[in-house]
Amino acid sequence: MRCGSYCNLEKKRKELVFDLRHLEGNLPGLELRMAQPKLLHFMLLCLLYMAHAGLSSGETKVTRAVKEAVTFPCNYEIPEKERTYYRVYWQHDTKVVQAYVPGRRGEDLIDLSYVNRTVMEMANNLSVTIFPLQVPDEGTYECIVQRLVGGQYKRVHKQDVQLSISADFPEPTTEVYEETGYWRMTCSSRQGYPQPKLSWVNNGKVLTSVNTSIFQDPVTKLYDIQSELHINQTNNSLFICSIDYGDSRVSANVTLPKGPDSWSGALIIAATLPSIFFLIAMILLVYQC
C-alpha cells in the first residue's frame, strides 16, 4: 500500500456507495430512486477530485535557522521492487536539490549549490535533508514523483514545502561619545536575517536617528545594521536601541549620566586640582621658612 490518504478516500467512497444503496432500498418514493443515480455519480466525482487533490499536492511550512539541518518528507512510499518504474525530483525554484532516476547518478543531476549538502532517503517517504542551511535556501521546495505508464512518465504525486530561514542578531553593541555641545550614541548588530529595522526610544517616545545604514552580504545574504543618535540633554536619561527582524527583537539600554557641559566642567576641575594643591603646598612651605 503506497499511500494512506488514498486508502482512506477509497474506504469512504465505498461506505458512501453502501449508504446510498441502503437508502434507496429502505426509503419509498419514485423520485428518490430516480435521483439516486445522479446523486451517486456526483458524489463519486467529488471523491475522485478530492483523492486527486490529496495525492497530487500538499503544502508544509517550516522555519529553520542558518547552519541548522532540515528534513522535508515527500509523504509518498515506493516499494523497493517497483523503484525502476519511478522517478523522483526534489526542486527549489529551477534548481534540482536531489533526484532519483533509474540508471542515472543523482550527483550528476543536482545543482552545484546543493552538492555535498543534501541526501534523499528512498525508504523514508522519499524525504530530503539539507545541511547546513543558508539564507539562499529560503523558498518553496517541490517533491515530484513520476511513474512509468504505457512507456511515458506521468506525475502521480506532488508535495510542496515552504522553507523560511532565520538568523538571530546578537545583542546590540552601544557606544557613547562626547562631542561639542551634544552626545553621540551608536548602536549596531551584525549577521542576522531577515532584514532588520532599528529604532531609538526614550521615555516611550520614538526618536529620530541619523546615519542609519543596513548592509547585506552579497554571499551569505546576512544583514548588518548600525545607527547614530545625537542628544544634547544634560540630565540623567535612559535610551533603548531596539532591532526588529521578522517576529523577533533584540535591544540594549544606553544610560546618559550627564550632559556634555557638566562633563566638560568636571574634566576642567579635575585637571586643575593638582596645580591648586601644588600652589597651596608652596605657600605653606614659604610661610614656615
C-alpha atoms as a PDB file:
ATOM      1  CA  MET A   1       0.000   0.000   0.000  1.00  0.00           C
ATOM      2  CA  ARG A   2       1.723   3.184  -1.170  1.00  0.00           C
ATOM      3  CA  CYS A   3      -0.481   5.959   0.137  1.00  0.00           C
ATOM      4  CA  GLY A   4      -2.542   6.035   3.292  1.00  0.00           C
ATOM      5  CA  SER A   5      -4.662   9.005   2.184  1.00  0.00           C
ATOM      6  CA  TYR A   6      -5.723   7.192  -0.983  1.00  0.00           C
ATOM      7  CA  CYS A   7      -6.795   4.131   1.008  1.00  0.00           C
ATOM      8  CA  ASN A   8      -8.848   6.298   3.363  1.00  0.00           C
ATOM      9  CA  LEU A   9     -10.602   8.025   0.469  1.00  0.00           C
ATOM     10  CA  GLU A  10     -11.331   4.736  -1.223  1.00  0.00           C
ATOM     11  CA  LYS A  11     -12.799   3.403   2.012  1.00  0.00           C
ATOM     12  CA  LYS A  12     -15.008   6.489   2.333  1.00  0.00           C
ATOM     13  CA  ARG A  13     -16.138   6.091  -1.282  1.00  0.00           C
ATOM     14  CA  LYS A  14     -17.231   2.504  -0.682  1.00  0.00           C
ATOM     15  CA  GLU A  15     -19.048   3.494   2.505  1.00  0.00           C
ATOM     16  CA  LEU A  16     -20.856   6.257   0.608  1.00  0.00           C
ATOM     17  CA  VAL A  17     -21.959   3.838  -2.122  1.00  0.00           C
ATOM     18  CA  PHE A  18     -23.237   1.430   0.517  1.00  0.00           C
ATOM     19  CA  ASP A  19     -25.164   4.138   2.360  1.00  0.00           C
ATOM     20  CA  LEU A  20     -26.806   5.395  -0.821  1.00  0.00           C
ATOM     21  CA  ARG A  21     -27.855   1.910  -1.915  1.00  0.00           C
ATOM     22  CA  HIS A  22     -29.147   1.195   1.582  1.00  0.00           C
ATOM     23  CA  LEU A  23     -31.106   4.450   1.485  1.00  0.00           C
ATOM     24  CA  GLU A  24     -32.628   3.540  -1.885  1.00  0.00           C
ATOM     25  CA  GLY A  25     -33.693   0.114  -0.678  1.00  0.00           C
ATOM     26  CA  ASN A  26     -35.329   1.264   2.541  1.00  0.00           C
ATOM     27  CA  LEU A  27     -36.959   4.596   1.681  1.00  0.00           C
ATOM     28  CA  PRO A  28     -40.031   4.597  -0.585  1.00  0.00           C
ATOM     29  CA  GLY A  29     -40.590   7.069  -3.332  1.00  0.00           C
ATOM     30  CA  LEU A  30     -40.085   7.029  -7.027  1.00  0.00           C
ATOM     31  CA  GLU A  31     -38.417  10.440  -7.108  1.00  0.00           C
ATOM     32  CA  LEU A  32     -35.661   9.338  -4.734  1.00  0.00           C
ATOM     33  CA  ARG A  33     -34.985   6.228  -6.793  1.00  0.00           C
ATOM     34  CA  MET A  34     -34.778   8.275  -9.986  1.00  0.00           C
ATOM     35  CA  ALA A  35     -32.487  10.930  -8.452  1.00  0.00           C
ATOM     36  CA  GLN A  36     -30.170   8.479  -6.684  1.00  0.00           C
ATOM     37  CA  PRO A  37     -28.011   7.533  -9.723  1.00  0.00           C
ATOM     38  CA  LYS A  38     -27.315  11.188 -10.490  1.00  0.00           C
ATOM     39  CA  LEU A  39     -26.552  11.906  -6.840  1.00  0.00           C
ATOM     40  CA  LEU A  40     -24.275   8.883  -6.639  1.00  0.00           C
ATOM     41  CA  HIS A  41     -22.451   9.931  -9.790  1.00  0.00           C
ATOM     42  CA  PHE A  42     -21.988  13.461  -8.436  1.00  0.00           C
ATOM     43  CA  MET A  43     -20.639  12.237  -5.095  1.00  0.00           C
ATOM     44  CA  LEU A  44     -18.217   9.855  -6.784  1.00  0.00           C
ATOM     45  CA  LEU A  45     -16.857  12.683  -8.914  1.00  0.00           C
ATOM     46  CA  CYS A  46     -16.331  14.775  -5.764  1.00  0.00           C
ATOM     47  CA  LEU A  47     -14.471  11.949  -4.089  1.00  0.00           C
ATOM     48  CA  LEU A  48     -12.278  11.360  -7.115  1.00  0.00           C
ATOM     49  CA  TYR A  49     -11.434  15.072  -7.244  1.00  0.00           C
ATOM     50  CA  MET A  50     -10.570  15.064  -3.549  1.00  0.00           C
ATOM     51  CA  ALA A  51      -8.423  11.987  -3.991  1.00  0.00           C
ATOM     52  CA  HIS A  52      -6.563  13.554  -6.900  1.00  0.00           C
ATOM     53  CA  ALA A  53      -6.017  16.789  -4.987  1.00  0.00           C
ATOM     54  CA  GLY A  54      -4.868  14.974  -1.876  1.00  0.00           C
ATOM     55  CA  LEU A  55      -2.459  12.724  -3.724  1.00  0.00           C
ATOM     56  CA  SER A  56      -1.078  15.213  -6.207  1.00  0.00           C
ATOM     57  CA  SER A  57      -0.395  18.163  -3.956  1.00  0.00           C
ATOM     58  CA  GLY A  58       0.123  19.310  -0.387  1.00  0.00           C
ATOM     59  CA  GLU A  59       1.989  22.095   1.384  1.00  0.00           C
ATOM     60  CA  THR A  60       4.028  22.292   4.554  1.00  0.00           C
ATOM     61  CA  LYS A  61       5.606  25.354   6.160  1.00  0.00           C
ATOM     62  CA  VAL A  62       8.922  25.012   8.002  1.00  0.00           C
ATOM     63  CA  THR A  63      11.187  27.563   9.714  1.00  0.00           C
ATOM     64  CA  ARG A  64      14.833  26.854  10.499  1.00  0.00           C
ATOM     65  CA  ALA A  65      17.907  28.851  11.467  1.00  0.00           C
ATOM     66  CA  VAL A  66      21.064  29.339   9.437  1.00  0.00           C
ATOM     67  CA  LYS A  67      23.571  26.471   9.841  1.00  0.00           C
ATOM     68  CA  GLU A  68      20.870  24.090  11.097  1.00  0.00           C
ATOM     69  CA  ALA A  69      19.609  20.983   9.281  1.00  0.00           C
ATOM     70  CA  VAL A  70      16.121  20.427   7.881  1.00  0.00           C
ATOM     71  CA  THR A  71      14.325  17.336   6.573  1.00  0.00           C
ATOM     72  CA  PHE A  72      11.369  17.533   4.180  1.00  0.00           C
ATOM     73  CA  PRO A  73       9.047  14.499   3.812  1.00  0.00           C
ATOM     74  CA  CYS A  74       7.562  13.810   0.414  1.00  0.00           C
ATOM     75  CA  ASN A  75       4.776  11.723   2.018  1.00  0.00           C
ATOM     76  CA  TYR A  76       4.940   9.033  -0.615  1.00  0.00           C
ATOM     77  CA  GLU A  77       6.243   5.483  -0.492  1.00  0.00           C
ATOM     78  CA  ILE A  78       7.560   3.382  -3.363  1.00  0.00           C
ATOM     79  CA  PRO A  79       8.005  -0.372  -2.822  1.00  0.00           C
ATOM     80  CA  GLU A  80      11.634  -1.271  -3.381  1.00  0.00           C
ATOM     81  CA  LYS A  81      10.783  -3.817  -6.087  1.00  0.00           C
ATOM     82  CA  GLU A  82       8.907  -1.140  -8.086  1.00  0.00           C
ATOM     83  CA  ARG A  83      11.515   1.646  -7.953  1.00  0.00           C
ATOM     84  CA  THR A  84      12.657   1.012 -11.505  1.00  0.00           C
ATOM     85  CA  TYR A  85       9.281   2.363 -12.682  1.00  0.00           C
ATOM     86  CA  TYR A  86       9.630   5.675 -10.844  1.00  0.00           C
ATOM     87  CA  ARG A  87      11.468   8.973 -11.000  1.00  0.00           C
ATOM     88  CA  VAL A  88      11.700  11.362  -8.033  1.00  0.00           C
ATOM     89  CA  TYR A  89      12.791  15.010  -8.079  1.00  0.00           C
ATOM     90  CA  TRP A  90      13.235  17.484  -5.250  1.00  0.00           C
ATOM     91  CA  GLN A  91      13.412  21.014  -6.691  1.00  0.00           C
ATOM     92  CA  HIS A  92      13.951  24.536  -5.322  1.00  0.00           C
ATOM     93  CA  ASP A  93      12.794  27.084  -7.886  1.00  0.00           C
ATOM     94  CA  THR A  94      14.641  25.920 -11.017  1.00  0.00           C
ATOM     95  CA  LYS A  95      17.378  24.055  -9.107  1.00  0.00           C
ATOM     96  CA  VAL A  96      17.387  20.293  -8.598  1.00  0.00           C
ATOM     97  CA  VAL A  97      18.106  19.569  -4.936  1.00  0.00           C
ATOM     98  CA  GLN A  98      18.046  15.763  -5.123  1.00  0.00           C
ATOM     99  CA  ALA A  99      16.872  13.241  -7.690  1.00  0.00           C
ATOM    100  CA  TYR A 100      16.309   9.546  -8.237  1.00  0.00           C
ATOM    101  CA  VAL A 101      16.329   8.387 -11.840  1.00  0.00           C
ATOM    102  CA  PRO A 102      16.908   4.691 -12.623  1.00  0.00           C
ATOM    103  CA  GLY A 103      20.212   4.261 -14.417  1.00  0.00           C
ATOM    104  CA  ARG A 104      21.458   7.754 -13.527  1.00  0.00           C
ATOM    105  CA  ARG A 105      23.632   9.031 -10.689  1.00  0.00           C
ATOM    106  CA  GLY A 106      21.887  11.569  -8.508  1.00  0.00           C
ATOM    107  CA  GLU A 107      25.127  13.570  -8.156  1.00  0.00           C
ATOM    108  CA  ASP A 108      25.053  14.234 -11.895  1.00  0.00           C
ATOM    109  CA  LEU A 109      21.566  15.754 -11.739  1.00  0.00           C
ATOM    110  CA  ILE A 110      21.574  18.088  -8.718  1.00  0.00           C
ATOM    111  CA  ASP A 111      22.554  21.759  -8.755  1.00  0.00           C
ATOM    112  CA  LEU A 112      26.114  22.611  -7.698  1.00  0.00           C
ATOM    113  CA  SER A 113      24.878  24.708  -4.764  1.00  0.00           C
ATOM    114  CA  TYR A 114      23.433  21.547  -3.188  1.00  0.00           C
ATOM    115  CA  VAL A 115      26.326  19.171  -3.829  1.00  0.00           C
ATOM    116  CA  ASN A 116      27.549  17.564  -0.570  1.00  0.00           C
ATOM    117  CA  ARG A 117      24.749  19.316   1.344  1.00  0.00           C
ATOM    118  CA  THR A 118      21.734  17.111   0.590  1.00  0.00           C
ATOM    119  CA  VAL A 119      20.701  13.470   0.852  1.00  0.00           C
ATOM    120  CA  MET A 120      17.467  11.696  -0.113  1.00  0.00           C
ATOM    121  CA  GLU A 121      16.127   8.649   1.727  1.00  0.00           C
ATOM    122  CA  MET A 122      14.062   6.461  -0.573  1.00  0.00           C
ATOM    123  CA  ALA A 123      12.929   4.244   2.317  1.00  0.00           C
ATOM    124  CA  ASN A 124      11.775   7.199   4.437  1.00  0.00           C
ATOM    125  CA  ASN A 125       8.895   8.758   2.487  1.00  0.00           C
ATOM    126  CA  LEU A 126      11.374   9.989  -0.156  1.00  0.00           C
ATOM    127  CA  SER A 127      12.499  12.632   2.349  1.00  0.00           C
ATOM    128  CA  VAL A 128      15.355  15.024   1.623  1.00  0.00           C
ATOM    129  CA  THR A 129      17.741  16.530   4.200  1.00  0.00           C
ATOM    130  CA  ILE A 130      19.669  19.794   3.704  1.00  0.00           C
ATOM    131  CA  PHE A 131      22.645  20.726   5.894  1.00  0.00           C
ATOM    132  CA  PRO A 132      23.961  23.274   6.691  1.00  0.00           C
ATOM    133  CA  LEU A 133      21.210  25.715   5.814  1.00  0.00           C
ATOM    134  CA  GLN A 134      21.984  29.041   4.170  1.00  0.00           C
ATOM    135  CA  VAL A 135      19.845  32.125   3.587  1.00  0.00           C
ATOM    136  CA  PRO A 136      19.633  31.434  -0.194  1.00  0.00           C
ATOM    137  CA  ASP A 137      17.948  28.102   0.673  1.00  0.00           C
ATOM    138  CA  GLU A 138      14.787  30.002   1.638  1.00  0.00           C
ATOM    139  CA  GLY A 139      11.796  29.446  -0.622  1.00  0.00           C
ATOM    140  CA  THR A 140       9.460  26.757  -1.946  1.00  0.00           C
ATOM    141  CA  TYR A 141      10.554  23.155  -2.460  1.00  0.00           C
ATOM    142  CA  GLU A 142       8.712  20.624  -4.601  1.00  0.00           C
ATOM    143  CA  CYS A 143       8.804  16.848  -4.445  1.00  0.00           C
ATOM    144  CA  ILE A 144       7.622  15.419  -7.757  1.00  0.00           C
ATOM    145  CA  VAL A 145       7.025  11.674  -8.207  1.00  0.00           C
ATOM    146  CA  GLN A 146       6.586  10.256 -11.699  1.00  0.00           C
ATOM    147  CA  ARG A 147       5.629   6.700 -12.671  1.00  0.00           C
ATOM    148  CA  LEU A 148       6.244   4.921 -15.952  1.00  0.00           C
ATOM    149  CA  VAL A 149       2.838   4.222 -17.515  1.00  0.00           C
ATOM    150  CA  GLY A 150       2.489   2.968 -21.071  1.00  0.00           C
ATOM    151  CA  GLY A 151       6.027   3.967 -21.982  1.00  0.00           C
ATOM    152  CA  GLN A 152       5.669   7.516 -20.593  1.00  0.00           C
ATOM    153  CA  TYR A 153       6.308   9.048 -17.187  1.00  0.00           C
ATOM    154  CA  LYS A 154       3.241  10.566 -15.559  1.00  0.00           C
ATOM    155  CA  ARG A 155       3.130  12.558 -12.344  1.00  0.00           C
ATOM    156  CA  VAL A 156       1.436  10.662  -9.529  1.00  0.00           C
ATOM    157  CA  HIS A 157       2.366  12.851  -6.559  1.00  0.00           C
ATOM    158  CA  LYS A 158       3.499  16.386  -5.722  1.00  0.00           C
ATOM    159  CA  GLN A 159       4.417  17.786  -2.307  1.00  0.00           C
ATOM    160  CA  ASP A 160       5.239  21.455  -1.632  1.00  0.00           C
ATOM    161  CA  VAL A 161       7.262  22.707   1.334  1.00  0.00           C
ATOM    162  CA  GLN A 162       7.732  26.382   2.195  1.00  0.00           C
ATOM    163  CA  LEU A 163      11.039  26.996   3.986  1.00  0.00           C
ATOM    164  CA  SER A 164      11.711  30.195   5.950  1.00  0.00           C
ATOM    165  CA  ILE A 165      15.244  30.991   7.141  1.00  0.00           C
ATOM    166  CA  SER A 166      16.174  32.985  10.233  1.00  0.00           C
ATOM    167  CA  ALA A 167      19.433  34.126  11.810  1.00  0.00           C
ATOM    168  CA  ASP A 168      19.377  35.784  15.214  1.00  0.00           C
ATOM    169  CA  PHE A 169      21.011  39.168  15.625  1.00  0.00           C
ATOM    170  CA  PRO A 170      23.252  39.319  18.710  1.00  0.00           C
ATOM    171  CA  GLU A 171      22.531  41.888  21.421  1.00  0.00           C
ATOM    172  CA  PRO A 172      23.352  45.330  20.008  1.00  0.00           C
ATOM    173  CA  THR A 173      26.686  46.933  20.770  1.00  0.00           C
ATOM    174  CA  THR A 174      26.360  50.513  22.007  1.00  0.00           C
ATOM    175  CA  GLU A 175      28.874  53.350  22.483  1.00  0.00           C
ATOM    176  CA  VAL A 176      28.615  56.939  23.796  1.00  0.00           C
ATOM    177  CA  TYR A 177      30.915  59.721  22.589  1.00  0.00           C
ATOM    178  CA  GLU A 178      31.257  63.306  23.753  1.00  0.00           C
ATOM    179  CA  GLU A 179      31.016  65.893  21.011  1.00  0.00           C
ATOM    180  CA  THR A 180      30.948  69.686  21.187  1.00  0.00           C
ATOM    181  CA  GLY A 181      27.638  70.523  22.795  1.00  0.00           C
ATOM    182  CA  TYR A 182      25.983  67.094  22.468  1.00  0.00           C
ATOM    183  CA  TRP A 183      26.291  63.351  22.977  1.00  0.00           C
ATOM    184  CA  ARG A 184      26.681  60.953  20.063  1.00  0.00           C
ATOM    185  CA  MET A 185      25.396  57.426  20.703  1.00  0.00           C
ATOM    186  CA  THR A 186      25.883  54.473  18.355  1.00  0.00           C
ATOM    187  CA  CYS A 187      24.119  51.113  18.169  1.00  0.00           C
ATOM    188  CA  SER A 188      24.973  48.190  15.879  1.00  0.00           C
ATOM    189  CA  SER A 189      24.457  44.456  15.365  1.00  0.00           C
ATOM    190  CA  ARG A 190      25.687  42.008  12.723  1.00  0.00           C
ATOM    191  CA  GLN A 191      24.983  38.787  10.837  1.00  0.00           C
ATOM    192  CA  GLY A 192      21.206  38.488  11.188  1.00  0.00           C
ATOM    193  CA  TYR A 193      18.211  37.678   8.974  1.00  0.00           C
ATOM    194  CA  PRO A 194      15.632  38.738   7.776  1.00  0.00           C
ATOM    195  CA  GLN A 195      16.111  42.456   7.069  1.00  0.00           C
ATOM    196  CA  PRO A 196      16.093  44.415  10.341  1.00  0.00           C
ATOM    197  CA  LYS A 197      14.597  47.730  11.473  1.00  0.00           C
ATOM    198  CA  LEU A 198      16.309  49.802  14.193  1.00  0.00           C
ATOM    199  CA  SER A 199      14.638  52.324  16.485  1.00  0.00           C
ATOM    200  CA  TRP A 200      15.680  54.567  19.391  1.00  0.00           C
ATOM    201  CA  VAL A 201      13.238  55.089  22.273  1.00  0.00           C
ATOM    202  CA  ASN A 202      13.372  57.454  25.275  1.00  0.00           C
ATOM    203  CA  ASN A 203      10.551  57.616  27.827  1.00  0.00           C
ATOM    204  CA  GLY A 204       8.218  55.810  25.429  1.00  0.00           C
ATOM    205  CA  LYS A 205       8.918  58.232  22.581  1.00  0.00           C
ATOM    206  CA  VAL A 206      10.481  57.120  19.307  1.00  0.00           C
ATOM    207  CA  LEU A 207      13.395  59.390  18.408  1.00  0.00           C
ATOM    208  CA  THR A 208      14.793  60.355  15.036  1.00  0.00           C
ATOM    209  CA  SER A 209      18.152  58.759  14.370  1.00  0.00           C
ATOM    210  CA  VAL A 210      20.895  59.828  11.995  1.00  0.00           C
ATOM    211  CA  ASN A 211      23.193  57.846   9.724  1.00  0.00           C
ATOM    212  CA  THR A 212      21.237  54.585   9.964  1.00  0.00           C
ATOM    213  CA  SER A 213      22.633  52.079   7.461  1.00  0.00           C
ATOM    214  CA  ILE A 214      21.824  48.469   6.523  1.00  0.00           C
ATOM    215  CA  PHE A 215      24.272  46.235   4.680  1.00  0.00           C
ATOM    216  CA  GLN A 216      23.552  42.787   3.210  1.00  0.00           C
ATOM    217  CA  ASP A 217      26.432  40.451   2.482  1.00  0.00           C
ATOM    218  CA  PRO A 218      26.259  39.523  -1.221  1.00  0.00           C
ATOM    219  CA  VAL A 219      27.305  35.923  -0.491  1.00  0.00           C
ATOM    220  CA  THR A 220      25.724  34.932   2.839  1.00  0.00           C
ATOM    221  CA  LYS A 221      22.749  37.330   2.441  1.00  0.00           C
ATOM    222  CA  LEU A 222      23.008  38.159   6.165  1.00  0.00           C
ATOM    223  CA  TYR A 223      22.418  41.723   7.341  1.00  0.00           C
ATOM    224  CA  ASP A 224      24.461  44.221   9.375  1.00  0.00           C
ATOM    225  CA  ILE A 225      22.831  47.354  10.811  1.00  0.00           C
ATOM    226  CA  GLN A 226      24.119  50.425  12.619  1.00  0.00           C
ATOM    227  CA  SER A 227      22.697  53.785  13.682  1.00  0.00           C
ATOM    228  CA  GLU A 228      23.583  57.027  15.472  1.00  0.00           C
ATOM    229  CA  LEU A 229      21.600  59.247  17.808  1.00  0.00           C
ATOM    230  CA  HIS A 230      22.597  62.838  18.726  1.00  0.00           C
ATOM    231  CA  ILE A 231      21.363  64.134  22.091  1.00  0.00           C
ATOM    232  CA  ASN A 232      22.056  67.433  23.884  1.00  0.00           C
ATOM    233  CA  GLN A 233      20.339  66.561  27.178  1.00  0.00           C
ATOM    234  CA  THR A 234      22.131  67.306  30.436  1.00  0.00           C
ATOM    235  CA  ASN A 235      20.031  65.229  32.843  1.00  0.00           C
ATOM    236  CA  ASN A 236      20.256  61.518  33.585  1.00  0.00           C
ATOM    237  CA  SER A 237      18.307  59.582  30.965  1.00  0.00           C
ATOM    238  CA  LEU A 238      17.807  56.024  29.659  1.00  0.00           C
ATOM    239  CA  PHE A 239      17.715  55.285  25.935  1.00  0.00           C
ATOM    240  CA  ILE A 240      16.722  51.969  24.322  1.00  0.00           C
ATOM    241  CA  CYS A 241      18.098  50.752  20.992  1.00  0.00           C
ATOM    242  CA  SER A 242      15.784  48.084  19.526  1.00  0.00           C
ATOM    243  CA  ILE A 243      16.323  45.933  16.440  1.00  0.00           C
ATOM    244  CA  ASP A 244      13.272  44.146  14.998  1.00  0.00           C
ATOM    245  CA  TYR A 245      13.603  41.376  12.414  1.00  0.00           C
ATOM    246  CA  GLY A 246      10.766  39.071  11.435  1.00  0.00           C
ATOM    247  CA  ASP A 247       8.906  38.182  14.638  1.00  0.00           C
ATOM    248  CA  SER A 248      11.976  38.698  16.846  1.00  0.00           C
ATOM    249  CA  ARG A 249      13.578  41.626  18.647  1.00  0.00           C
ATOM    250  CA  VAL A 250      16.856  42.377  20.437  1.00  0.00           C
ATOM    251  CA  SER A 251      17.605  45.541  22.382  1.00  0.00           C
ATOM    252  CA  ALA A 252      20.188  47.291  24.539  1.00  0.00           C
ATOM    253  CA  ASN A 253      19.975  50.107  27.076  1.00  0.00           C
ATOM    254  CA  VAL A 254      22.148  53.208  26.971  1.00  0.00           C
ATOM    255  CA  THR A 255      22.347  55.422  30.037  1.00  0.00           C
ATOM    256  CA  LEU A 256      23.297  59.063  29.631  1.00  0.00           C
ATOM    257  CA  PRO A 257      24.727  60.056  33.060  1.00  0.00           C
ATOM    258  CA  LYS A 258      25.461  63.741  32.477  1.00  0.00           C
ATOM    259  CA  GLY A 259      25.246  66.354  29.785  1.00  0.00           C
ATOM    260  CA  PRO A 260      28.349  67.362  27.775  1.00  0.00           C
ATOM    261  CA  ASP A 261      28.663  70.760  29.537  1.00  0.00           C
ATOM    262  CA  SER A 262      28.620  69.267  33.029  1.00  0.00           C
ATOM    263  CA  TRP A 263      31.059  66.577  31.954  1.00  0.00           C
ATOM    264  CA  SER A 264      33.435  69.150  30.447  1.00  0.00           C
ATOM    265  CA  GLY A 265      33.310  71.231  33.643  1.00  0.00           C
ATOM    266  CA  ALA A 266      34.171  68.186  35.735  1.00  0.00           C
ATOM    267  CA  LEU A 267      37.116  67.449  33.485  1.00  0.00           C
ATOM    268  CA  ILE A 268      38.410  71.036  33.864  1.00  0.00           C
ATOM    269  CA  ILE A 269      38.138  70.898  37.646  1.00  0.00           C
ATOM    270  CA  ALA A 270      39.884  67.506  37.761  1.00  0.00           C
ATOM    271  CA  ALA A 271      42.696  68.829  35.579  1.00  0.00           C
ATOM    272  CA  THR A 272      43.306  71.945  37.713  1.00  0.00           C
ATOM    273  CA  LEU A 273      43.224  70.265  41.140  1.00  0.00           C
ATOM    274  CA  PRO A 274      46.895  69.161  41.075  1.00  0.00           C
ATOM    275  CA  SER A 275      48.029  72.709  40.305  1.00  0.00           C
ATOM    276  CA  ILE A 276      45.954  74.123  43.144  1.00  0.00           C
ATOM    277  CA  PHE A 277      47.390  71.603  45.604  1.00  0.00           C
ATOM    278  CA  PHE A 278      50.898  72.432  44.419  1.00  0.00           C
ATOM    279  CA  LEU A 279      50.381  76.179  44.964  1.00  0.00           C
ATOM    280  CA  ILE A 280      48.984  75.605  48.454  1.00  0.00           C
ATOM    281  CA  ALA A 281      51.982  73.433  49.349  1.00  0.00           C
ATOM    282  CA  MET A 282      54.423  76.097  48.098  1.00  0.00           C
ATOM    283  CA  ILE A 283      52.693  78.828  50.123  1.00  0.00           C
ATOM    284  CA  LEU A 284      52.824  76.715  53.285  1.00  0.00           C
ATOM    285  CA  LEU A 285      56.496  75.945  52.704  1.00  0.00           C
ATOM    286  CA  VAL A 286      57.406  79.640  52.267  1.00  0.00           C
ATOM    287  CA  TYR A 287      55.362  80.574  55.342  1.00  0.00           C
ATOM    288  CA  GLN A 288      57.216  78.018  57.500  1.00  0.00           C
ATOM    289  CA  CYS A 289      60.580  79.311  56.314  1.00  0.00           C
END
